[in-house]
Protein backbone atom coordinates (compact mmCIF):
# COMPACT_ATOMS: atom_id res chain seq x y z
CA UNK A 1 0.00 0.00 0.00
CA UNK A 2 1.39 3.42 -0.85
CA UNK A 3 2.34 5.67 2.06
CA UNK A 4 -0.15 8.38 1.00
CA UNK A 5 -3.04 5.93 0.64
CA UNK A 6 -2.12 4.33 3.96
CA UNK A 7 -2.21 7.70 5.70
CA UNK A 8 -5.57 8.53 4.12
CA UNK A 9 -7.02 5.18 5.18
CA UNK A 10 -5.69 5.60 8.73
CA UNK A 11 -7.12 9.12 8.97
CA UNK A 12 -10.50 7.90 7.72
CA UNK A 13 -10.52 5.08 10.28
CA UNK A 14 -9.71 7.54 13.04
CA UNK A 15 -12.37 9.94 11.85
CA UNK A 16 -15.02 7.24 11.74
CA UNK A 17 -13.79 5.72 15.02
CA UNK A 18 -13.47 2.33 13.40
CA UNK A 19 -9.90 1.76 14.48
CA UNK A 20 -10.67 -1.74 15.69
CA UNK A 21 -12.16 -2.82 12.37
CA UNK A 22 -8.86 -3.77 10.73
CA UNK A 23 -8.48 -4.14 7.00
CA UNK A 24 -8.06 -7.64 5.66
CA UNK A 25 -7.03 -8.77 2.20
CA UNK A 26 -7.37 -5.13 1.16
CA UNK A 27 -5.25 -3.33 -1.38
CA UNK A 28 -4.69 0.40 -1.42
CA UNK A 29 -7.68 2.44 -0.26
CA UNK A 30 -10.23 -0.36 0.25
CA UNK A 31 -12.75 0.24 3.00
CA UNK A 32 -12.22 -1.72 6.20
CA UNK A 33 -13.47 -5.28 6.27
CA UNK A 34 -14.04 -6.81 9.69
CA UNK A 35 -11.81 -9.90 9.61
CA UNK A 36 -12.94 -13.31 10.75
CA UNK A 37 -10.80 -13.29 13.88
CA UNK A 38 -12.38 -10.01 15.01
CA UNK A 39 -15.93 -11.36 14.89
CA UNK A 40 -14.64 -14.60 16.43
CA UNK A 41 -15.46 -16.91 13.53
CA UNK A 42 -15.26 -20.66 13.83
CA UNK A 43 -12.35 -22.15 11.90
CA UNK A 44 -13.27 -22.64 8.23
CA UNK A 45 -13.11 -26.15 6.80
CA UNK A 46 -13.58 -24.92 3.21
CA UNK A 47 -11.04 -25.92 0.57
CA UNK A 48 -12.64 -25.14 -2.82
CA UNK A 49 -11.02 -22.02 -4.21
CA UNK A 50 -12.57 -19.57 -6.66
CA UNK A 51 -10.97 -18.82 -10.01
CA UNK A 52 -10.49 -15.05 -9.92
CA UNK A 53 -11.44 -12.58 -11.26
CA UNK A 54 -15.15 -13.34 -11.16
CA UNK A 55 -17.83 -11.94 -13.42
CA UNK A 56 -20.83 -12.18 -11.06
CA UNK A 57 -21.96 -10.93 -7.65
CA UNK A 58 -25.08 -12.41 -6.06
CA UNK A 59 -26.84 -10.18 -3.51
CA UNK A 60 -29.01 -11.80 -0.86
CA UNK A 61 -30.41 -11.12 2.59
CA UNK A 62 -30.21 -13.41 5.59
CA UNK A 63 -33.97 -12.94 6.18
CA UNK A 64 -33.22 -13.02 9.90
CA UNK A 65 -32.49 -10.43 12.53
CA UNK A 66 -30.87 -7.18 11.53
CA UNK A 67 -28.07 -5.51 13.49
CA UNK A 68 -27.02 -1.88 13.71
CA UNK A 69 -24.00 -1.78 16.02
CA UNK A 70 -20.62 -3.52 15.65
CA UNK A 71 -21.34 -5.66 18.72
CA UNK A 72 -24.77 -6.78 17.51
CA UNK A 73 -23.49 -7.37 13.96
CA UNK A 74 -20.58 -9.47 15.20
CA UNK A 75 -23.08 -11.56 17.16
CA UNK A 76 -25.41 -11.86 14.18
CA UNK A 77 -22.51 -12.93 11.94
CA UNK A 78 -21.66 -15.63 14.50
CA UNK A 79 -25.33 -16.71 14.56
CA UNK A 80 -25.44 -17.06 10.76
CA UNK A 81 -22.18 -19.01 10.72
CA UNK A 82 -23.34 -21.27 13.54
CA UNK A 83 -26.57 -22.07 11.68
CA UNK A 84 -24.72 -22.81 8.43
CA UNK A 85 -22.02 -24.95 10.06
CA UNK A 86 -23.79 -26.70 12.94
CA UNK A 87 -27.30 -27.03 11.52
CA UNK A 88 -26.69 -27.33 7.76
CA UNK A 89 -23.29 -29.04 8.00
CA UNK A 90 -21.49 -26.61 5.69
CA UNK A 91 -17.74 -25.99 5.86
CA UNK A 92 -18.28 -22.33 6.89
CA UNK A 93 -20.75 -19.47 6.69
CA UNK A 94 -22.25 -19.62 3.20
CA UNK A 95 -21.52 -16.03 2.13
CA UNK A 96 -18.27 -14.51 1.01
CA UNK A 97 -19.17 -11.29 2.84
CA UNK A 98 -21.98 -10.06 5.08
CA UNK A 99 -23.15 -6.45 5.35
CA UNK A 100 -24.40 -5.06 8.65
CA UNK A 101 -26.70 -2.11 9.20
CA UNK A 102 -23.78 -0.69 11.19
CA UNK A 103 -22.19 0.11 7.81
CA UNK A 104 -19.45 -2.50 8.09
CA UNK A 105 -18.51 -5.46 5.92
CA UNK A 106 -17.90 -8.76 7.71
CA UNK A 107 -15.56 -11.27 6.09
CA UNK A 108 -17.22 -14.63 5.47
CA UNK A 109 -15.41 -16.96 3.10
CA UNK A 110 -13.66 -13.94 1.61
CA UNK A 111 -12.56 -13.38 -1.97
CA UNK A 112 -10.79 -16.70 -2.46
CA UNK A 113 -13.16 -19.48 -1.41
CA UNK A 114 -16.32 -20.74 -3.09
CA UNK A 115 -19.47 -19.79 -1.21
CA UNK A 116 -22.68 -21.71 -0.57
CA UNK A 117 -25.08 -18.89 -1.35
CA UNK A 118 -26.69 -19.44 -4.75
CA UNK A 119 -26.65 -23.08 -5.79
CA UNK A 120 -23.83 -25.19 -7.20
CA UNK A 121 -23.77 -23.52 -10.63
CA UNK A 122 -23.63 -19.92 -9.40
CA UNK A 123 -21.49 -20.50 -6.29
CA UNK A 124 -18.42 -21.33 -8.37
CA UNK A 125 -18.69 -18.24 -10.55
CA UNK A 126 -19.80 -15.53 -8.13
CA UNK A 127 -19.11 -13.70 -4.92
CA UNK A 128 -22.04 -13.84 -2.50
CA UNK A 129 -22.79 -10.82 -0.35
CA UNK A 130 -25.65 -10.95 2.10
CA UNK A 131 -27.26 -8.08 3.95
CA UNK A 132 -28.02 -9.09 7.52
CA UNK A 133 -31.75 -8.61 8.03
CA UNK A 134 -35.05 -9.01 6.23
CA UNK A 135 -35.62 -6.57 3.37
CA UNK A 136 -39.07 -7.56 2.16
CA UNK A 137 -40.68 -4.38 3.50
CA UNK A 138 -37.79 -1.98 3.97
CA UNK A 139 -34.39 -1.15 2.49
CA UNK A 140 -31.08 -1.31 4.33
CA UNK A 141 -29.82 2.04 5.64
CA UNK A 142 -27.59 4.13 3.36
CA UNK A 143 -24.43 3.25 5.31
CA UNK A 144 -25.00 -0.46 4.63
CA UNK A 145 -25.55 0.21 0.93
CA UNK A 146 -22.36 2.31 0.81
CA UNK A 147 -20.47 -0.52 2.50
CA UNK A 148 -21.64 -2.96 -0.18
CA UNK A 149 -20.72 -0.59 -3.00
CA UNK A 150 -17.31 0.00 -1.43
CA UNK A 151 -16.75 -3.75 -1.15
CA UNK A 152 -17.51 -4.21 -4.84
CA UNK A 153 -15.14 -1.40 -5.81
CA UNK A 154 -12.51 -3.03 -3.62
CA UNK A 155 -13.09 -6.36 -5.37
CA UNK A 156 -12.37 -4.73 -8.72
CA UNK A 157 -9.29 -2.90 -7.37
CA UNK A 158 -7.99 -6.13 -5.86
CA UNK A 159 -8.56 -8.15 -9.04
CA UNK A 160 -11.18 -10.43 -7.44
CA UNK A 161 -13.97 -9.03 -9.65
CA UNK A 162 -13.84 -8.13 -13.31
CA UNK A 163 -14.38 -4.42 -13.96
CA UNK A 164 -17.50 -5.30 -15.97
CA UNK A 165 -18.93 -7.58 -13.25
CA UNK A 166 -22.69 -8.19 -13.20
CA UNK A 167 -24.87 -7.94 -10.08
CA UNK A 168 -27.66 -10.48 -9.69
CA UNK A 169 -30.30 -10.70 -7.00
CA UNK A 170 -30.50 -14.06 -5.27
CA UNK A 171 -33.97 -14.53 -6.80
CA UNK A 172 -32.45 -14.08 -10.27
CA UNK A 173 -30.47 -17.30 -9.85
CA UNK A 174 -32.60 -19.45 -7.51
CA UNK A 175 -36.24 -19.83 -6.54
CA UNK A 176 -36.33 -17.64 -3.43
CA UNK A 177 -37.70 -14.34 -2.11
CA UNK A 178 -34.16 -13.19 -1.28
CA UNK A 179 -32.88 -10.47 -1.22
CA UNK A 180 -36.35 -9.25 -0.25
CA UNK A 181 -38.66 -7.11 -2.38
CA UNK A 182 -37.32 -3.73 -1.28
CA UNK A 183 -33.61 -4.56 -1.57
CA UNK A 184 -34.24 -6.31 -4.89
CA UNK A 185 -35.96 -3.20 -6.27
CA UNK A 186 -33.04 -1.10 -5.09
CA UNK A 187 -30.21 -3.22 -6.56
CA UNK A 188 -31.91 -3.12 -9.96
CA UNK A 189 -30.76 0.52 -10.08
CA UNK A 190 -27.11 -0.29 -9.34
CA UNK A 191 -24.77 0.39 -12.28
CA UNK A 192 -23.75 -3.26 -12.69
CA UNK A 193 -27.25 -4.72 -12.60
CA UNK A 194 -28.23 -5.70 -16.16
CA UNK A 195 -31.08 -3.82 -17.85
CA UNK A 196 -34.10 -5.86 -18.74
C-alpha atoms as a PDB file:
ATOM      1  CA  UNK A   1       0.000   0.000   0.000  1.00  0.00           C
ATOM      2  CA  UNK A   2       1.393   3.422  -0.849  1.00  0.00           C
ATOM      3  CA  UNK A   3       2.342   5.673   2.058  1.00  0.00           C
ATOM      4  CA  UNK A   4      -0.155   8.381   1.001  1.00  0.00           C
ATOM      5  CA  UNK A   5      -3.037   5.929   0.644  1.00  0.00           C
ATOM      6  CA  UNK A   6      -2.123   4.330   3.962  1.00  0.00           C
ATOM      7  CA  UNK A   7      -2.213   7.705   5.703  1.00  0.00           C
ATOM      8  CA  UNK A   8      -5.569   8.534   4.119  1.00  0.00           C
ATOM      9  CA  UNK A   9      -7.020   5.178   5.176  1.00  0.00           C
ATOM     10  CA  UNK A  10      -5.691   5.597   8.734  1.00  0.00           C
ATOM     11  CA  UNK A  11      -7.116   9.118   8.968  1.00  0.00           C
ATOM     12  CA  UNK A  12     -10.496   7.898   7.724  1.00  0.00           C
ATOM     13  CA  UNK A  13     -10.515   5.083  10.278  1.00  0.00           C
ATOM     14  CA  UNK A  14      -9.711   7.541  13.041  1.00  0.00           C
ATOM     15  CA  UNK A  15     -12.368   9.938  11.850  1.00  0.00           C
ATOM     16  CA  UNK A  16     -15.024   7.235  11.739  1.00  0.00           C
ATOM     17  CA  UNK A  17     -13.787   5.719  15.019  1.00  0.00           C
ATOM     18  CA  UNK A  18     -13.474   2.333  13.400  1.00  0.00           C
ATOM     19  CA  UNK A  19      -9.896   1.763  14.485  1.00  0.00           C
ATOM     20  CA  UNK A  20     -10.673  -1.741  15.695  1.00  0.00           C
ATOM     21  CA  UNK A  21     -12.159  -2.821  12.366  1.00  0.00           C
ATOM     22  CA  UNK A  22      -8.862  -3.775  10.729  1.00  0.00           C
ATOM     23  CA  UNK A  23      -8.478  -4.142   6.995  1.00  0.00           C
ATOM     24  CA  UNK A  24      -8.061  -7.638   5.659  1.00  0.00           C
ATOM     25  CA  UNK A  25      -7.033  -8.767   2.196  1.00  0.00           C
ATOM     26  CA  UNK A  26      -7.375  -5.132   1.162  1.00  0.00           C
ATOM     27  CA  UNK A  27      -5.246  -3.325  -1.382  1.00  0.00           C
ATOM     28  CA  UNK A  28      -4.685   0.398  -1.422  1.00  0.00           C
ATOM     29  CA  UNK A  29      -7.676   2.442  -0.263  1.00  0.00           C
ATOM     30  CA  UNK A  30     -10.230  -0.360   0.251  1.00  0.00           C
ATOM     31  CA  UNK A  31     -12.749   0.240   2.998  1.00  0.00           C
ATOM     32  CA  UNK A  32     -12.219  -1.717   6.198  1.00  0.00           C
ATOM     33  CA  UNK A  33     -13.466  -5.277   6.273  1.00  0.00           C
ATOM     34  CA  UNK A  34     -14.035  -6.806   9.695  1.00  0.00           C
ATOM     35  CA  UNK A  35     -11.807  -9.896   9.606  1.00  0.00           C
ATOM     36  CA  UNK A  36     -12.941 -13.311  10.753  1.00  0.00           C
ATOM     37  CA  UNK A  37     -10.797 -13.285  13.884  1.00  0.00           C
ATOM     38  CA  UNK A  38     -12.383 -10.006  15.009  1.00  0.00           C
ATOM     39  CA  UNK A  39     -15.933 -11.357  14.886  1.00  0.00           C
ATOM     40  CA  UNK A  40     -14.640 -14.596  16.425  1.00  0.00           C
ATOM     41  CA  UNK A  41     -15.460 -16.908  13.529  1.00  0.00           C
ATOM     42  CA  UNK A  42     -15.263 -20.661  13.832  1.00  0.00           C
ATOM     43  CA  UNK A  43     -12.350 -22.153  11.902  1.00  0.00           C
ATOM     44  CA  UNK A  44     -13.268 -22.638   8.230  1.00  0.00           C
ATOM     45  CA  UNK A  45     -13.106 -26.152   6.800  1.00  0.00           C
ATOM     46  CA  UNK A  46     -13.577 -24.922   3.213  1.00  0.00           C
ATOM     47  CA  UNK A  47     -11.042 -25.917   0.574  1.00  0.00           C
ATOM     48  CA  UNK A  48     -12.642 -25.143  -2.815  1.00  0.00           C
ATOM     49  CA  UNK A  49     -11.019 -22.018  -4.209  1.00  0.00           C
ATOM     50  CA  UNK A  50     -12.567 -19.573  -6.662  1.00  0.00           C
ATOM     51  CA  UNK A  51     -10.972 -18.816 -10.012  1.00  0.00           C
ATOM     52  CA  UNK A  52     -10.486 -15.048  -9.924  1.00  0.00           C
ATOM     53  CA  UNK A  53     -11.437 -12.579 -11.257  1.00  0.00           C
ATOM     54  CA  UNK A  54     -15.147 -13.340 -11.155  1.00  0.00           C
ATOM     55  CA  UNK A  55     -17.833 -11.935 -13.421  1.00  0.00           C
ATOM     56  CA  UNK A  56     -20.827 -12.176 -11.061  1.00  0.00           C
ATOM     57  CA  UNK A  57     -21.958 -10.931  -7.652  1.00  0.00           C
ATOM     58  CA  UNK A  58     -25.081 -12.413  -6.057  1.00  0.00           C
ATOM     59  CA  UNK A  59     -26.838 -10.184  -3.509  1.00  0.00           C
ATOM     60  CA  UNK A  60     -29.009 -11.802  -0.861  1.00  0.00           C
ATOM     61  CA  UNK A  61     -30.408 -11.123   2.588  1.00  0.00           C
ATOM     62  CA  UNK A  62     -30.214 -13.406   5.585  1.00  0.00           C
ATOM     63  CA  UNK A  63     -33.973 -12.935   6.182  1.00  0.00           C
ATOM     64  CA  UNK A  64     -33.218 -13.023   9.903  1.00  0.00           C
ATOM     65  CA  UNK A  65     -32.487 -10.431  12.531  1.00  0.00           C
ATOM     66  CA  UNK A  66     -30.874  -7.179  11.531  1.00  0.00           C
ATOM     67  CA  UNK A  67     -28.074  -5.513  13.485  1.00  0.00           C
ATOM     68  CA  UNK A  68     -27.016  -1.884  13.712  1.00  0.00           C
ATOM     69  CA  UNK A  69     -23.997  -1.781  16.023  1.00  0.00           C
ATOM     70  CA  UNK A  70     -20.622  -3.518  15.645  1.00  0.00           C
ATOM     71  CA  UNK A  71     -21.336  -5.661  18.719  1.00  0.00           C
ATOM     72  CA  UNK A  72     -24.774  -6.784  17.505  1.00  0.00           C
ATOM     73  CA  UNK A  73     -23.490  -7.369  13.960  1.00  0.00           C
ATOM     74  CA  UNK A  74     -20.581  -9.471  15.201  1.00  0.00           C
ATOM     75  CA  UNK A  75     -23.084 -11.556  17.165  1.00  0.00           C
ATOM     76  CA  UNK A  76     -25.409 -11.860  14.175  1.00  0.00           C
ATOM     77  CA  UNK A  77     -22.507 -12.929  11.939  1.00  0.00           C
ATOM     78  CA  UNK A  78     -21.663 -15.626  14.499  1.00  0.00           C
ATOM     79  CA  UNK A  79     -25.325 -16.708  14.557  1.00  0.00           C
ATOM     80  CA  UNK A  80     -25.444 -17.055  10.764  1.00  0.00           C
ATOM     81  CA  UNK A  81     -22.180 -19.009  10.721  1.00  0.00           C
ATOM     82  CA  UNK A  82     -23.344 -21.268  13.544  1.00  0.00           C
ATOM     83  CA  UNK A  83     -26.574 -22.065  11.685  1.00  0.00           C
ATOM     84  CA  UNK A  84     -24.724 -22.809   8.432  1.00  0.00           C
ATOM     85  CA  UNK A  85     -22.015 -24.949  10.059  1.00  0.00           C
ATOM     86  CA  UNK A  86     -23.785 -26.701  12.935  1.00  0.00           C
ATOM     87  CA  UNK A  87     -27.297 -27.034  11.522  1.00  0.00           C
ATOM     88  CA  UNK A  88     -26.688 -27.333   7.764  1.00  0.00           C
ATOM     89  CA  UNK A  89     -23.287 -29.040   7.996  1.00  0.00           C
ATOM     90  CA  UNK A  90     -21.487 -26.611   5.690  1.00  0.00           C
ATOM     91  CA  UNK A  91     -17.735 -25.989   5.856  1.00  0.00           C
ATOM     92  CA  UNK A  92     -18.284 -22.334   6.892  1.00  0.00           C
ATOM     93  CA  UNK A  93     -20.751 -19.465   6.692  1.00  0.00           C
ATOM     94  CA  UNK A  94     -22.251 -19.617   3.204  1.00  0.00           C
ATOM     95  CA  UNK A  95     -21.523 -16.031   2.134  1.00  0.00           C
ATOM     96  CA  UNK A  96     -18.271 -14.511   1.008  1.00  0.00           C
ATOM     97  CA  UNK A  97     -19.171 -11.290   2.837  1.00  0.00           C
ATOM     98  CA  UNK A  98     -21.982 -10.060   5.084  1.00  0.00           C
ATOM     99  CA  UNK A  99     -23.154  -6.454   5.354  1.00  0.00           C
ATOM    100  CA  UNK A 100     -24.396  -5.055   8.650  1.00  0.00           C
ATOM    101  CA  UNK A 101     -26.702  -2.107   9.195  1.00  0.00           C
ATOM    102  CA  UNK A 102     -23.784  -0.686  11.188  1.00  0.00           C
ATOM    103  CA  UNK A 103     -22.190   0.107   7.809  1.00  0.00           C
ATOM    104  CA  UNK A 104     -19.447  -2.496   8.088  1.00  0.00           C
ATOM    105  CA  UNK A 105     -18.512  -5.457   5.919  1.00  0.00           C
ATOM    106  CA  UNK A 106     -17.898  -8.758   7.705  1.00  0.00           C
ATOM    107  CA  UNK A 107     -15.563 -11.271   6.087  1.00  0.00           C
ATOM    108  CA  UNK A 108     -17.222 -14.628   5.474  1.00  0.00           C
ATOM    109  CA  UNK A 109     -15.407 -16.957   3.098  1.00  0.00           C
ATOM    110  CA  UNK A 110     -13.656 -13.942   1.610  1.00  0.00           C
ATOM    111  CA  UNK A 111     -12.559 -13.380  -1.968  1.00  0.00           C
ATOM    112  CA  UNK A 112     -10.794 -16.697  -2.461  1.00  0.00           C
ATOM    113  CA  UNK A 113     -13.160 -19.479  -1.410  1.00  0.00           C
ATOM    114  CA  UNK A 114     -16.322 -20.743  -3.094  1.00  0.00           C
ATOM    115  CA  UNK A 115     -19.473 -19.790  -1.205  1.00  0.00           C
ATOM    116  CA  UNK A 116     -22.682 -21.713  -0.565  1.00  0.00           C
ATOM    117  CA  UNK A 117     -25.083 -18.886  -1.348  1.00  0.00           C
ATOM    118  CA  UNK A 118     -26.694 -19.436  -4.753  1.00  0.00           C
ATOM    119  CA  UNK A 119     -26.650 -23.083  -5.789  1.00  0.00           C
ATOM    120  CA  UNK A 120     -23.833 -25.187  -7.202  1.00  0.00           C
ATOM    121  CA  UNK A 121     -23.769 -23.517 -10.634  1.00  0.00           C
ATOM    122  CA  UNK A 122     -23.631 -19.919  -9.397  1.00  0.00           C
ATOM    123  CA  UNK A 123     -21.488 -20.501  -6.291  1.00  0.00           C
ATOM    124  CA  UNK A 124     -18.416 -21.332  -8.366  1.00  0.00           C
ATOM    125  CA  UNK A 125     -18.687 -18.245 -10.547  1.00  0.00           C
ATOM    126  CA  UNK A 126     -19.795 -15.529  -8.127  1.00  0.00           C
ATOM    127  CA  UNK A 127     -19.113 -13.697  -4.917  1.00  0.00           C
ATOM    128  CA  UNK A 128     -22.044 -13.843  -2.500  1.00  0.00           C
ATOM    129  CA  UNK A 129     -22.787 -10.818  -0.351  1.00  0.00           C
ATOM    130  CA  UNK A 130     -25.646 -10.949   2.101  1.00  0.00           C
ATOM    131  CA  UNK A 131     -27.258  -8.075   3.947  1.00  0.00           C
ATOM    132  CA  UNK A 132     -28.025  -9.095   7.518  1.00  0.00           C
ATOM    133  CA  UNK A 133     -31.747  -8.606   8.026  1.00  0.00           C
ATOM    134  CA  UNK A 134     -35.048  -9.013   6.229  1.00  0.00           C
ATOM    135  CA  UNK A 135     -35.623  -6.568   3.366  1.00  0.00           C
ATOM    136  CA  UNK A 136     -39.067  -7.556   2.156  1.00  0.00           C
ATOM    137  CA  UNK A 137     -40.684  -4.376   3.501  1.00  0.00           C
ATOM    138  CA  UNK A 138     -37.785  -1.979   3.971  1.00  0.00           C
ATOM    139  CA  UNK A 139     -34.390  -1.154   2.494  1.00  0.00           C
ATOM    140  CA  UNK A 140     -31.080  -1.310   4.329  1.00  0.00           C
ATOM    141  CA  UNK A 141     -29.823   2.037   5.638  1.00  0.00           C
ATOM    142  CA  UNK A 142     -27.586   4.131   3.356  1.00  0.00           C
ATOM    143  CA  UNK A 143     -24.434   3.249   5.312  1.00  0.00           C
ATOM    144  CA  UNK A 144     -24.997  -0.463   4.632  1.00  0.00           C
ATOM    145  CA  UNK A 145     -25.555   0.212   0.933  1.00  0.00           C
ATOM    146  CA  UNK A 146     -22.365   2.314   0.805  1.00  0.00           C
ATOM    147  CA  UNK A 147     -20.467  -0.516   2.503  1.00  0.00           C
ATOM    148  CA  UNK A 148     -21.640  -2.964  -0.177  1.00  0.00           C
ATOM    149  CA  UNK A 149     -20.721  -0.586  -3.002  1.00  0.00           C
ATOM    150  CA  UNK A 150     -17.307   0.002  -1.427  1.00  0.00           C
ATOM    151  CA  UNK A 151     -16.753  -3.746  -1.146  1.00  0.00           C
ATOM    152  CA  UNK A 152     -17.512  -4.215  -4.840  1.00  0.00           C
ATOM    153  CA  UNK A 153     -15.137  -1.398  -5.813  1.00  0.00           C
ATOM    154  CA  UNK A 154     -12.509  -3.035  -3.620  1.00  0.00           C
ATOM    155  CA  UNK A 155     -13.086  -6.363  -5.369  1.00  0.00           C
ATOM    156  CA  UNK A 156     -12.368  -4.731  -8.720  1.00  0.00           C
ATOM    157  CA  UNK A 157      -9.291  -2.902  -7.371  1.00  0.00           C
ATOM    158  CA  UNK A 158      -7.987  -6.134  -5.861  1.00  0.00           C
ATOM    159  CA  UNK A 159      -8.564  -8.150  -9.044  1.00  0.00           C
ATOM    160  CA  UNK A 160     -11.176 -10.430  -7.442  1.00  0.00           C
ATOM    161  CA  UNK A 161     -13.968  -9.030  -9.646  1.00  0.00           C
ATOM    162  CA  UNK A 162     -13.841  -8.128 -13.309  1.00  0.00           C
ATOM    163  CA  UNK A 163     -14.376  -4.420 -13.965  1.00  0.00           C
ATOM    164  CA  UNK A 164     -17.504  -5.302 -15.971  1.00  0.00           C
ATOM    165  CA  UNK A 165     -18.926  -7.579 -13.249  1.00  0.00           C
ATOM    166  CA  UNK A 166     -22.688  -8.187 -13.200  1.00  0.00           C
ATOM    167  CA  UNK A 167     -24.868  -7.940 -10.083  1.00  0.00           C
ATOM    168  CA  UNK A 168     -27.660 -10.478  -9.685  1.00  0.00           C
ATOM    169  CA  UNK A 169     -30.303 -10.697  -7.004  1.00  0.00           C
ATOM    170  CA  UNK A 170     -30.502 -14.065  -5.268  1.00  0.00           C
ATOM    171  CA  UNK A 171     -33.970 -14.532  -6.800  1.00  0.00           C
ATOM    172  CA  UNK A 172     -32.454 -14.084 -10.270  1.00  0.00           C
ATOM    173  CA  UNK A 173     -30.466 -17.300  -9.855  1.00  0.00           C
ATOM    174  CA  UNK A 174     -32.597 -19.445  -7.506  1.00  0.00           C
ATOM    175  CA  UNK A 175     -36.244 -19.830  -6.545  1.00  0.00           C
ATOM    176  CA  UNK A 176     -36.333 -17.635  -3.427  1.00  0.00           C
ATOM    177  CA  UNK A 177     -37.701 -14.336  -2.114  1.00  0.00           C
ATOM    178  CA  UNK A 178     -34.161 -13.192  -1.282  1.00  0.00           C
ATOM    179  CA  UNK A 179     -32.877 -10.471  -1.222  1.00  0.00           C
ATOM    180  CA  UNK A 180     -36.350  -9.246  -0.249  1.00  0.00           C
ATOM    181  CA  UNK A 181     -38.656  -7.107  -2.385  1.00  0.00           C
ATOM    182  CA  UNK A 182     -37.325  -3.727  -1.283  1.00  0.00           C
ATOM    183  CA  UNK A 183     -33.611  -4.564  -1.567  1.00  0.00           C
ATOM    184  CA  UNK A 184     -34.242  -6.309  -4.886  1.00  0.00           C
ATOM    185  CA  UNK A 185     -35.962  -3.200  -6.271  1.00  0.00           C
ATOM    186  CA  UNK A 186     -33.038  -1.100  -5.086  1.00  0.00           C
ATOM    187  CA  UNK A 187     -30.208  -3.217  -6.559  1.00  0.00           C
ATOM    188  CA  UNK A 188     -31.905  -3.120  -9.957  1.00  0.00           C
ATOM    189  CA  UNK A 189     -30.759   0.523 -10.080  1.00  0.00           C
ATOM    190  CA  UNK A 190     -27.113  -0.289  -9.337  1.00  0.00           C
ATOM    191  CA  UNK A 191     -24.769   0.388 -12.282  1.00  0.00           C
ATOM    192  CA  UNK A 192     -23.749  -3.262 -12.694  1.00  0.00           C
ATOM    193  CA  UNK A 193     -27.249  -4.718 -12.597  1.00  0.00           C
ATOM    194  CA  UNK A 194     -28.233  -5.705 -16.163  1.00  0.00           C
ATOM    195  CA  UNK A 195     -31.076  -3.816 -17.845  1.00  0.00           C
ATOM    196  CA  UNK A 196     -34.102  -5.861 -18.741  1.00  0.00           C
END
